[in-house]
Amino acid sequence: MGGHAKQNHTPPAPTDEASATGHDRRAVRTVDLTGEEIAAIEASEMAPGFEQLDAELEPKSTALTEEGARFVQKLGQRGNGIKARPADKAFRDSLYDDS
């Protein structure tokens, strides 16, 4: 295993479907880009109507605690400001009442 050696390979040509629809989504390794190409990408803007693609740029959380915190936050937003009552002893005991 070593560094990122530059590979001599040409990216595949877009298929007819890709060129016809304008959906060319080939992956390019950033280590293969020049400084000018990176600057051009940073300066570019996305055409309106493709905002859903921004979600692909957001890093995925791998920590379970972060996922749990996000879930609790969304759940709290769905509560519409309803004040919850505390679970007192009588309520907790009623959960185990077998009668």
PDB file of N, CA and C in Angstrom:
ATOM      1  N   MET A   1       0.847  -1.177   0.000  1.00  0.00           N
ATOM      2  CA  MET A   1       0.000   0.000   0.000  1.00  0.00           C
ATOM      3  C   MET A   1       0.880   1.223   0.000  1.00  0.00           C
ATOM      4  N   GLY A   2       0.645   2.123  -0.773  1.00  0.00           N
ATOM      5  CA  GLY A   2       1.502   3.287  -0.816  1.00  0.00           C
ATOM      6  C   GLY A   2       0.683   4.535  -0.993  1.00  0.00           C
ATOM      7  N   GLY A   3       1.307   5.493  -1.629  1.00  0.00           N
ATOM      8  CA  GLY A   3       0.627   6.754  -1.870  1.00  0.00           C
ATOM      9  C   GLY A   3      -0.349   6.630  -3.024  1.00  0.00           C
ATOM     10  N   HIS A   4      -0.729   7.756  -3.494  1.00  0.00           N
ATOM     11  CA  HIS A   4      -1.672   7.798  -4.607  1.00  0.00           C
ATOM     12  C   HIS A   4      -0.888   7.947  -5.901  1.00  0.00           C
ATOM     13  N   ALA A   5      -0.503   6.847  -6.475  1.00  0.00           N
ATOM     14  CA  ALA A   5       0.223   6.886  -7.732  1.00  0.00           C
ATOM     15  C   ALA A   5      -0.735   7.280  -8.842  1.00  0.00           C
ATOM     16  N   LYS A   6      -0.260   8.093  -9.738  1.00  0.00           N
ATOM     17  CA  LYS A   6      -1.108   8.529 -10.840  1.00  0.00           C
ATOM     18  C   LYS A   6      -1.300   7.377 -11.805  1.00  0.00           C
ATOM     19  N   GLN A   7      -2.531   7.104 -12.133  1.00  0.00           N
ATOM     20  CA  GLN A   7      -2.826   6.010 -13.040  1.00  0.00           C
ATOM     21  C   GLN A   7      -3.033   6.556 -14.438  1.00  0.00           C
ATOM     22  N   ASN A   8      -2.524   5.830 -15.404  1.00  0.00           N
ATOM     23  CA  ASN A   8      -2.720   6.224 -16.792  1.00  0.00           C
ATOM     24  C   ASN A   8      -3.926   5.478 -17.340  1.00  0.00           C
ATOM     25  N   HIS A   9      -5.074   6.063 -17.152  1.00  0.00           N
ATOM     26  CA  HIS A   9      -6.260   5.464 -17.738  1.00  0.00           C
ATOM     27  C   HIS A   9      -7.183   6.583 -18.189  1.00  0.00           C
ATOM     28  N   THR A  10      -7.793   6.338 -19.313  1.00  0.00           N
ATOM     29  CA  THR A  10      -8.716   7.322 -19.852  1.00  0.00           C
ATOM     30  C   THR A  10     -10.108   7.036 -19.335  1.00  0.00           C
ATOM     31  N   PRO A  11     -10.826   8.061 -18.889  1.00  0.00           N
ATOM     32  CA  PRO A  11     -12.187   7.832 -18.428  1.00  0.00           C
ATOM     33  C   PRO A  11     -13.058   7.357 -19.583  1.00  0.00           C
ATOM     34  N   PRO A  12     -14.039   6.510 -19.292  1.00  0.00           N
ATOM     35  CA  PRO A  12     -14.894   6.010 -20.367  1.00  0.00           C
ATOM     36  C   PRO A  12     -15.708   7.137 -20.999  1.00  0.00           C
ATOM     37  N   ALA A  13     -15.938   7.006 -22.273  1.00  0.00           N
ATOM     38  CA  ALA A  13     -16.757   7.997 -22.969  1.00  0.00           C
ATOM     39  C   ALA A  13     -18.191   7.871 -22.493  1.00  0.00           C
ATOM     40  N   PRO A  14     -18.908   8.997 -22.396  1.00  0.00           N
ATOM     41  CA  PRO A  14     -20.295   8.916 -21.949  1.00  0.00           C
ATOM     42  C   PRO A  14     -21.127   8.087 -22.924  1.00  0.00           C
ATOM     43  N   THR A  15     -22.053   7.344 -22.366  1.00  0.00           N
ATOM     44  CA  THR A  15     -22.928   6.548 -23.215  1.00  0.00           C
ATOM     45  C   THR A  15     -23.872   7.469 -23.966  1.00  0.00           C
ATOM     46  N   ASP A  16     -24.548   6.920 -24.960  1.00  0.00           N
ATOM     47  CA  ASP A  16     -25.481   7.742 -25.720  1.00  0.00           C
ATOM     48  C   ASP A  16     -26.556   8.330 -24.818  1.00  0.00           C
ATOM     49  N   GLU A  17     -27.036   7.521 -23.852  1.00  0.00           N
ATOM     50  CA  GLU A  17     -28.075   7.996 -22.940  1.00  0.00           C
ATOM     51  C   GLU A  17     -27.563   9.166 -22.105  1.00  0.00           C
ATOM     52  N   ALA A  18     -26.320   9.056 -21.604  1.00  0.00           N
ATOM     53  CA  ALA A  18     -25.762  10.116 -20.770  1.00  0.00           C
ATOM     54  C   ALA A  18     -25.593  11.403 -21.565  1.00  0.00           C
ATOM     55  N   SER A  19     -25.082  11.294 -22.788  1.00  0.00           N
ATOM     56  CA  SER A  19     -24.877  12.509 -23.569  1.00  0.00           C
ATOM     57  C   SER A  19     -26.205  13.086 -24.055  1.00  0.00           C
ATOM     58  N   ALA A  20     -27.178  12.232 -24.290  1.00  0.00           N
ATOM     59  CA  ALA A  20     -28.480  12.712 -24.761  1.00  0.00           C
ATOM     60  C   ALA A  20     -29.237  13.447 -23.661  1.00  0.00           C
ATOM     61  N   THR A  21     -29.095  12.977 -22.414  1.00  0.00           N
ATOM     62  CA  THR A  21     -29.836  13.596 -21.317  1.00  0.00           C
ATOM     63  C   THR A  21     -29.018  14.633 -20.570  1.00  0.00           C
ATOM     64  N   GLY A  22     -27.714  14.707 -20.849  1.00  0.00           N
ATOM     65  CA  GLY A  22     -26.870  15.660 -20.153  1.00  0.00           C
ATOM     66  C   GLY A  22     -26.523  15.214 -18.743  1.00  0.00           C
ATOM     67  N   HIS A  23     -26.683  13.945 -18.434  1.00  0.00           N
ATOM     68  CA  HIS A  23     -26.388  13.420 -17.094  1.00  0.00           C
ATOM     69  C   HIS A  23     -25.057  12.697 -17.094  1.00  0.00           C
ATOM     70  N   ASP A  24     -23.999  13.425 -17.247  1.00  0.00           N
ATOM     71  CA  ASP A  24     -22.667  12.834 -17.216  1.00  0.00           C
ATOM     72  C   ASP A  24     -22.170  12.927 -15.779  1.00  0.00           C
ATOM     73  N   ARG A  25     -22.178  11.801 -15.057  1.00  0.00           N
ATOM     74  CA  ARG A  25     -21.800  11.818 -13.650  1.00  0.00           C
ATOM     75  C   ARG A  25     -20.611  10.900 -13.402  1.00  0.00           C
ATOM     76  N   ARG A  26     -19.608  11.014 -14.245  1.00  0.00           N
ATOM     77  CA  ARG A  26     -18.410  10.204 -14.058  1.00  0.00           C
ATOM     78  C   ARG A  26     -17.658  10.689 -12.828  1.00  0.00           C
ATOM     79  N   ALA A  27     -17.000   9.776 -12.163  1.00  0.00           N
ATOM     80  CA  ALA A  27     -16.181  10.116 -11.008  1.00  0.00           C
ATOM     81  C   ALA A  27     -14.753  10.378 -11.472  1.00  0.00           C
ATOM     82  N   VAL A  28     -14.164  11.406 -10.921  1.00  0.00           N
ATOM     83  CA  VAL A  28     -12.784  11.741 -11.238  1.00  0.00           C
ATOM     84  C   VAL A  28     -12.047  11.884  -9.912  1.00  0.00           C
ATOM     85  N   ARG A  29     -10.905  11.232  -9.812  1.00  0.00           N
ATOM     86  CA  ARG A  29     -10.119  11.322  -8.586  1.00  0.00           C
ATOM     87  C   ARG A  29      -9.509  12.714  -8.478  1.00  0.00           C
ATOM     88  N   THR A  30      -9.644  13.328  -7.301  1.00  0.00           N
ATOM     89  CA  THR A  30      -9.120  14.685  -7.140  1.00  0.00           C
ATOM     90  C   THR A  30      -7.613  14.740  -7.256  1.00  0.00           C
ATOM     91  N   VAL A  31      -6.915  13.650  -6.951  1.00  0.00           N
ATOM     92  CA  VAL A  31      -5.458  13.660  -7.076  1.00  0.00           C
ATOM     93  C   VAL A  31      -5.029  13.742  -8.540  1.00  0.00           C
ATOM     94  N   ASP A  32      -5.945  13.444  -9.461  1.00  0.00           N
ATOM     95  CA  ASP A  32      -5.626  13.513 -10.886  1.00  0.00           C
ATOM     96  C   ASP A  32      -5.919  14.888 -11.483  1.00  0.00           C
ATOM     97  N   LEU A  33      -6.484  15.808 -10.707  1.00  0.00           N
ATOM     98  CA  LEU A  33      -6.834  17.131 -11.223  1.00  0.00           C
ATOM     99  C   LEU A  33      -5.675  18.105 -11.033  1.00  0.00           C
ATOM    100  N   THR A  34      -5.595  19.043 -11.947  1.00  0.00           N
ATOM    101  CA  THR A  34      -4.582  20.097 -11.826  1.00  0.00           C
ATOM    102  C   THR A  34      -5.141  21.209 -10.947  1.00  0.00           C
ATOM    103  N   GLY A  35      -4.288  22.108 -10.535  1.00  0.00           N
ATOM    104  CA  GLY A  35      -4.721  23.255  -9.731  1.00  0.00           C
ATOM    105  C   GLY A  35      -5.730  24.113 -10.472  1.00  0.00           C
ATOM    106  N   GLU A  36      -5.531  24.272 -11.789  1.00  0.00           N
ATOM    107  CA  GLU A  36      -6.464  25.064 -12.596  1.00  0.00           C
ATOM    108  C   GLU A  36      -7.843  24.403 -12.650  1.00  0.00           C
ATOM    109  N   GLU A  37      -7.861  23.073 -12.783  1.00  0.00           N
ATOM    110  CA  GLU A  37      -9.138  22.355 -12.831  1.00  0.00           C
ATOM    111  C   GLU A  37      -9.880  22.462 -11.499  1.00  0.00           C
ATOM    112  N   ILE A  38      -9.146  22.359 -10.389  1.00  0.00           N
ATOM    113  CA  ILE A  38      -9.779  22.485  -9.076  1.00  0.00           C
ATOM    114  C   ILE A  38     -10.337  23.894  -8.886  1.00  0.00           C
ATOM    115  N   ALA A  39      -9.582  24.918  -9.312  1.00  0.00           N
ATOM    116  CA  ALA A  39     -10.061  26.301  -9.208  1.00  0.00           C
ATOM    117  C   ALA A  39     -11.317  26.509 -10.046  1.00  0.00           C
ATOM    118  N   ALA A  40     -11.358  25.898 -11.231  1.00  0.00           N
ATOM    119  CA  ALA A  40     -12.540  26.031 -12.093  1.00  0.00           C
ATOM    120  C   ALA A  40     -13.752  25.367 -11.450  1.00  0.00           C
ATOM    121  N   ILE A  41     -13.541  24.237 -10.792  1.00  0.00           N
ATOM    122  CA  ILE A  41     -14.655  23.542 -10.123  1.00  0.00           C
ATOM    123  C   ILE A  41     -15.160  24.371  -8.953  1.00  0.00           C
ATOM    124  N   GLU A  42     -14.230  24.933  -8.157  1.00  0.00           N
ATOM    125  CA  GLU A  42     -14.624  25.746  -7.018  1.00  0.00           C
ATOM    126  C   GLU A  42     -15.399  26.989  -7.449  1.00  0.00           C
ATOM    127  N   ALA A  43     -15.068  27.543  -8.599  1.00  0.00           N
ATOM    128  CA  ALA A  43     -15.730  28.755  -9.087  1.00  0.00           C
ATOM    129  C   ALA A  43     -17.054  28.456  -9.784  1.00  0.00           C
ATOM    130  N   SER A  44     -17.314  27.201 -10.100  1.00  0.00           N
ATOM    131  CA  SER A  44     -18.529  26.871 -10.846  1.00  0.00           C
ATOM    132  C   SER A  44     -19.766  26.912  -9.955  1.00  0.00           C
ATOM    133  N   GLU A  45     -20.918  27.035 -10.586  1.00  0.00           N
ATOM    134  CA  GLU A  45     -22.197  27.031  -9.887  1.00  0.00           C
ATOM    135  C   GLU A  45     -23.114  26.001 -10.537  1.00  0.00           C
ATOM    136  N   MET A  46     -24.004  25.443  -9.734  1.00  0.00           N
ATOM    137  CA  MET A  46     -24.927  24.434 -10.239  1.00  0.00           C
ATOM    138  C   MET A  46     -26.170  25.114 -10.824  1.00  0.00           C
ATOM    139  N   ALA A  47     -26.655  24.581 -11.915  1.00  0.00           N
ATOM    140  CA  ALA A  47     -27.860  25.110 -12.537  1.00  0.00           C
ATOM    141  C   ALA A  47     -29.059  24.879 -11.613  1.00  0.00           C
ATOM    142  N   PRO A  48     -30.033  25.768 -11.621  1.00  0.00           N
ATOM    143  CA  PRO A  48     -31.222  25.583 -10.777  1.00  0.00           C
ATOM    144  C   PRO A  48     -31.934  24.275 -11.117  1.00  0.00           C
ATOM    145  N   GLY A  49     -32.515  23.654 -10.103  1.00  0.00           N
ATOM    146  CA  GLY A  49     -33.258  22.421 -10.301  1.00  0.00           C
ATOM    147  C   GLY A  49     -32.503  21.179  -9.889  1.00  0.00           C
ATOM    148  N   PHE A  50     -31.276  21.330  -9.434  1.00  0.00           N
ATOM    149  CA  PHE A  50     -30.475  20.174  -9.028  1.00  0.00           C
ATOM    150  C   PHE A  50     -30.064  20.245  -7.557  1.00  0.00           C
ATOM    151  N   GLU A  51     -30.860  20.950  -6.747  1.00  0.00           N
ATOM    152  CA  GLU A  51     -30.527  21.146  -5.339  1.00  0.00           C
ATOM    153  C   GLU A  51     -30.448  19.827  -4.575  1.00  0.00           C
ATOM    154  N   GLN A  52     -31.184  18.807  -5.010  1.00  0.00           N
ATOM    155  CA  GLN A  52     -31.171  17.523  -4.312  1.00  0.00           C
ATOM    156  C   GLN A  52     -29.788  16.883  -4.346  1.00  0.00           C
ATOM    157  N   LEU A  53     -28.954  17.281  -5.281  1.00  0.00           N
ATOM    158  CA  LEU A  53     -27.612  16.718  -5.372  1.00  0.00           C
ATOM    159  C   LEU A  53     -26.701  17.223  -4.251  1.00  0.00           C
ATOM    160  N   ASP A  54     -27.073  18.336  -3.606  1.00  0.00           N
ATOM    161  CA  ASP A  54     -26.276  18.841  -2.493  1.00  0.00           C
ATOM    162  C   ASP A  54     -26.208  17.829  -1.358  1.00  0.00           C
ATOM    163  N   ALA A  55     -27.233  17.009  -1.213  1.00  0.00           N
ATOM    164  CA  ALA A  55     -27.249  16.000  -0.145  1.00  0.00           C
ATOM    165  C   ALA A  55     -26.110  15.001  -0.319  1.00  0.00           C
ATOM    166  N   GLU A  56     -25.662  14.784  -1.539  1.00  0.00           N
ATOM    167  CA  GLU A  56     -24.552  13.870  -1.776  1.00  0.00           C
ATOM    168  C   GLU A  56     -23.244  14.413  -1.215  1.00  0.00           C
ATOM    169  N   LEU A  57     -23.160  15.721  -1.037  1.00  0.00           N
ATOM    170  CA  LEU A  57     -21.932  16.329  -0.543  1.00  0.00           C
ATOM    171  C   LEU A  57     -21.841  16.324   0.975  1.00  0.00           C
ATOM    172  N   GLU A  58     -22.973  16.165   1.661  1.00  0.00           N
ATOM    173  CA  GLU A  58     -22.970  16.175   3.116  1.00  0.00           C
ATOM    174  C   GLU A  58     -22.390  14.864   3.629  1.00  0.00           C
ATOM    175  N   PRO A  59     -21.454  14.959   4.565  1.00  0.00           N
ATOM    176  CA  PRO A  59     -20.854  13.726   5.085  1.00  0.00           C
ATOM    177  C   PRO A  59     -21.877  12.900   5.855  1.00  0.00           C
ATOM    178  N   LYS A  60     -21.804  11.602   5.674  1.00  0.00           N
ATOM    179  CA  LYS A  60     -22.687  10.695   6.391  1.00  0.00           C
ATOM    180  C   LYS A  60     -22.123  10.467   7.780  1.00  0.00           C
ATOM    181  N   SER A  61     -22.993  10.536   8.766  1.00  0.00           N
ATOM    182  CA  SER A  61     -22.566  10.314  10.142  1.00  0.00           C
ATOM    183  C   SER A  61     -22.464   8.823  10.411  1.00  0.00           C
ATOM    184  N   THR A  62     -21.401   8.432  11.053  1.00  0.00           N
ATOM    185  CA  THR A  62     -21.249   7.027  11.392  1.00  0.00           C
ATOM    186  C   THR A  62     -21.424   6.798  12.883  1.00  0.00           C
ATOM    187  N   ALA A  63     -21.489   7.866  13.658  1.00  0.00           N
ATOM    188  CA  ALA A  63     -21.623   7.717  15.100  1.00  0.00           C
ATOM    189  C   ALA A  63     -23.089   7.500  15.462  1.00  0.00           C
ATOM    190  N   LEU A  64     -23.345   6.469  16.210  1.00  0.00           N
ATOM    191  CA  LEU A  64     -24.707   6.154  16.622  1.00  0.00           C
ATOM    192  C   LEU A  64     -25.286   7.270  17.479  1.00  0.00           C
ATOM    193  N   THR A  65     -24.460   7.895  18.300  1.00  0.00           N
ATOM    194  CA  THR A  65     -24.959   8.973  19.153  1.00  0.00           C
ATOM    195  C   THR A  65     -25.424  10.167  18.321  1.00  0.00           C
ATOM    196  N   GLU A  66     -24.719  10.462  17.228  1.00  0.00           N
ATOM    197  CA  GLU A  66     -25.136  11.560  16.364  1.00  0.00           C
ATOM    198  C   GLU A  66     -26.460  11.232  15.685  1.00  0.00           C
ATOM    199  N   GLU A  67     -26.612  10.001  15.242  1.00  0.00           N
ATOM    200  CA  GLU A  67     -27.874   9.584  14.623  1.00  0.00           C
ATOM    201  C   GLU A  67     -29.010   9.684  15.628  1.00  0.00           C
ATOM    202  N   GLY A  68     -28.766   9.239  16.863  1.00  0.00           N
ATOM    203  CA  GLY A  68     -29.783   9.306  17.913  1.00  0.00           C
ATOM    204  C   GLY A  68     -30.157  10.735  18.235  1.00  0.00           C
ATOM    205  N   ALA A  69     -29.172  11.613  18.327  1.00  0.00           N
ATOM    206  CA  ALA A  69     -29.445  13.023  18.622  1.00  0.00           C
ATOM    207  C   ALA A  69     -30.261  13.662  17.511  1.00  0.00           C
ATOM    208  N   ARG A  70     -29.939  13.322  16.260  1.00  0.00           N
ATOM    209  CA  ARG A  70     -30.699  13.859  15.126  1.00  0.00           C
ATOM    210  C   ARG A  70     -32.146  13.359  15.156  1.00  0.00           C
ATOM    211  N   PHE A  71     -32.327  12.076  15.512  1.00  0.00           N
ATOM    212  CA  PHE A  71     -33.667  11.509  15.596  1.00  0.00           C
ATOM    213  C   PHE A  71     -34.478  12.217  16.678  1.00  0.00           C
ATOM    214  N   VAL A  72     -33.875  12.426  17.837  1.00  0.00           N
ATOM    215  CA  VAL A  72     -34.577  13.078  18.949  1.00  0.00           C
ATOM    216  C   VAL A  72     -34.936  14.510  18.570  1.00  0.00           C
ATOM    217  N   GLN A  73     -34.033  15.200  17.882  1.00  0.00           N
ATOM    218  CA  GLN A  73     -34.314  16.569  17.462  1.00  0.00           C
ATOM    219  C   GLN A  73     -35.512  16.617  16.503  1.00  0.00           C
ATOM    220  N   LYS A  74     -35.532  15.711  15.527  1.00  0.00           N
ATOM    221  CA  LYS A  74     -36.660  15.670  14.594  1.00  0.00           C
ATOM    222  C   LYS A  74     -37.950  15.305  15.305  1.00  0.00           C
ATOM    223  N   LEU A  75     -37.851  14.389  16.239  1.00  0.00           N
ATOM    224  CA  LEU A  75     -39.034  13.984  16.999  1.00  0.00           C
ATOM    225  C   LEU A  75     -39.560  15.155  17.818  1.00  0.00           C
ATOM    226  N   GLY A  76     -38.658  15.921  18.409  1.00  0.00           N
ATOM    227  CA  GLY A  76     -39.066  17.093  19.183  1.00  0.00           C
ATOM    228  C   GLY A  76     -39.739  18.141  18.320  1.00  0.00           C
ATOM    229  N   GLN A  77     -39.293  18.281  17.076  1.00  0.00           N
ATOM    230  CA  GLN A  77     -39.900  19.251  16.166  1.00  0.00           C
ATOM    231  C   GLN A  77     -41.313  18.832  15.775  1.00  0.00           C
ATOM    232  N   ARG A  78     -41.560  17.535  15.755  1.00  0.00           N
ATOM    233  CA  ARG A  78     -42.896  17.047  15.406  1.00  0.00           C
ATOM    234  C   ARG A  78     -43.874  17.216  16.555  1.00  0.00           C
ATOM    235  N   GLY A  79     -43.387  17.494  17.768  1.00  0.00           N
ATOM    236  CA  GLY A  79     -44.245  17.603  18.944  1.00  0.00           C
ATOM    237  C   GLY A  79     -45.103  18.852  18.953  1.00  0.00           C
ATOM    238  N   ASN A  80     -44.849  19.801  18.078  1.00  0.00           N
ATOM    239  CA  ASN A  80     -45.621  21.032  17.967  1.00  0.00           C
ATOM    240  C   ASN A  80     -45.733  21.776  19.295  1.00  0.00           C
ATOM    241  N   GLY A  81     -44.718  21.720  20.126  1.00  0.00           N
ATOM    242  CA  GLY A  81     -44.711  22.484  21.368  1.00  0.00           C
ATOM    243  C   GLY A  81     -45.625  21.945  22.455  1.00  0.00           C
ATOM    244  N   ILE A  82     -46.086  20.722  22.327  1.00  0.00           N
ATOM    245  CA  ILE A  82     -46.949  20.134  23.349  1.00  0.00           C
ATOM    246  C   ILE A  82     -46.114  19.871  24.590  1.00  0.00           C
ATOM    247  N   LYS A  83     -46.627  20.324  25.722  1.00  0.00           N
ATOM    248  CA  LYS A  83     -45.911  20.091  26.974  1.00  0.00           C
ATOM    249  C   LYS A  83     -46.179  18.674  27.435  1.00  0.00           C
ATOM    250  N   ALA A  84     -45.136  17.936  27.645  1.00  0.00           N
ATOM    251  CA  ALA A  84     -45.272  16.555  28.103  1.00  0.00           C
ATOM    252  C   ALA A  84     -45.416  16.538  29.617  1.00  0.00           C
ATOM    253  N   ARG A  85     -46.196  15.598  30.080  1.00  0.00           N
ATOM    254  CA  ARG A  85     -46.345  15.435  31.530  1.00  0.00           C
ATOM    255  C   ARG A  85     -45.251  14.494  32.016  1.00  0.00           C
ATOM    256  N   PRO A  86     -44.744  14.739  33.209  1.00  0.00           N
ATOM    257  CA  PRO A  86     -43.718  13.826  33.720  1.00  0.00           C
ATOM    258  C   PRO A  86     -44.317  12.466  34.030  1.00  0.00           C
ATOM    259  N   ALA A  87     -43.520  11.441  33.889  1.00  0.00           N
ATOM    260  CA  ALA A  87     -43.980  10.081  34.199  1.00  0.00           C
ATOM    261  C   ALA A  87     -43.799   9.867  35.699  1.00  0.00           C
ATOM    262  N   ASP A  88     -44.870  10.090  36.454  1.00  0.00           N
ATOM    263  CA  ASP A  88     -44.781   9.910  37.904  1.00  0.00           C
ATOM    264  C   ASP A  88     -44.869   8.424  38.267  1.00  0.00           C
ATOM    265  N   LYS A  89     -44.714   8.119  39.563  1.00  0.00           N
ATOM    266  CA  LYS A  89     -44.683   6.738  40.031  1.00  0.00           C
ATOM    267  C   LYS A  89     -45.979   6.005  39.695  1.00  0.00           C
ATOM    268  N   ALA A  90     -47.120   6.660  39.853  1.00  0.00           N
ATOM    269  CA  ALA A  90     -48.405   6.018  39.567  1.00  0.00           C
ATOM    270  C   ALA A  90     -48.474   5.607  38.085  1.00  0.00           C
ATOM    271  N   PHE A  91     -48.010   6.463  37.184  1.00  0.00           N
ATOM    272  CA  PHE A  91     -48.021   6.122  35.765  1.00  0.00           C
ATOM    273  C   PHE A  91     -47.104   4.938  35.479  1.00  0.00           C
ATOM    274  N   ARG A  92     -45.878   4.996  36.031  1.00  0.00           N
ATOM    275  CA  ARG A  92     -44.936   3.903  35.798  1.00  0.00           C
ATOM    276  C   ARG A  92     -45.488   2.590  36.340  1.00  0.00           C
ATOM    277  N   ASP A  93     -46.097   2.616  37.526  1.00  0.00           N
ATOM    278  CA  ASP A  93     -46.662   1.410  38.110  1.00  0.00           C
ATOM    279  C   ASP A  93     -47.805   0.865  37.252  1.00  0.00           C
ATOM    280  N   SER A  94     -48.561   1.776  36.611  1.00  0.00           N
ATOM    281  CA  SER A  94     -49.690   1.323  35.798  1.00  0.00           C
ATOM    282  C   SER A  94     -49.215   0.547  34.553  1.00  0.00           C
ATOM    283  N   LEU A  95     -47.995   0.783  34.140  1.00  0.00           N
ATOM    284  CA  LEU A  95     -47.465   0.063  32.978  1.00  0.00           C
ATOM    285  C   LEU A  95     -47.272  -1.415  33.267  1.00  0.00           C
ATOM    286  N   TYR A  96     -47.093  -1.741  34.541  1.00  0.00           N
ATOM    287  CA  TYR A  96     -46.845  -3.127  34.929  1.00  0.00           C
ATOM    288  C   TYR A  96     -48.039  -3.758  35.626  1.00  0.00           C
ATOM    289  N   ASP A  97     -49.169  -3.087  35.602  1.00  0.00           N
ATOM    290  CA  ASP A  97     -50.374  -3.605  36.241  1.00  0.00           C
ATOM    291  C   ASP A  97     -50.952  -4.723  35.392  1.00  0.00           C
ATOM    292  N   ASP A  98     -51.072  -5.906  35.970  1.00  0.00           N
ATOM    293  CA  ASP A  98     -51.558  -7.070  35.234  1.00  0.00           C
ATOM    294  C   ASP A  98     -53.048  -7.325  35.428  1.00  0.00           C
ATOM    295  N   SER A  99     -53.762  -6.414  36.051  1.00  0.00           N
ATOM    296  CA  SER A  99     -55.178  -6.684  36.316  1.00  0.00           C
ATOM    297  C   SER A  99     -56.084  -6.410  35.166  1.00  0.00           C
TER     298      SER A  99
END
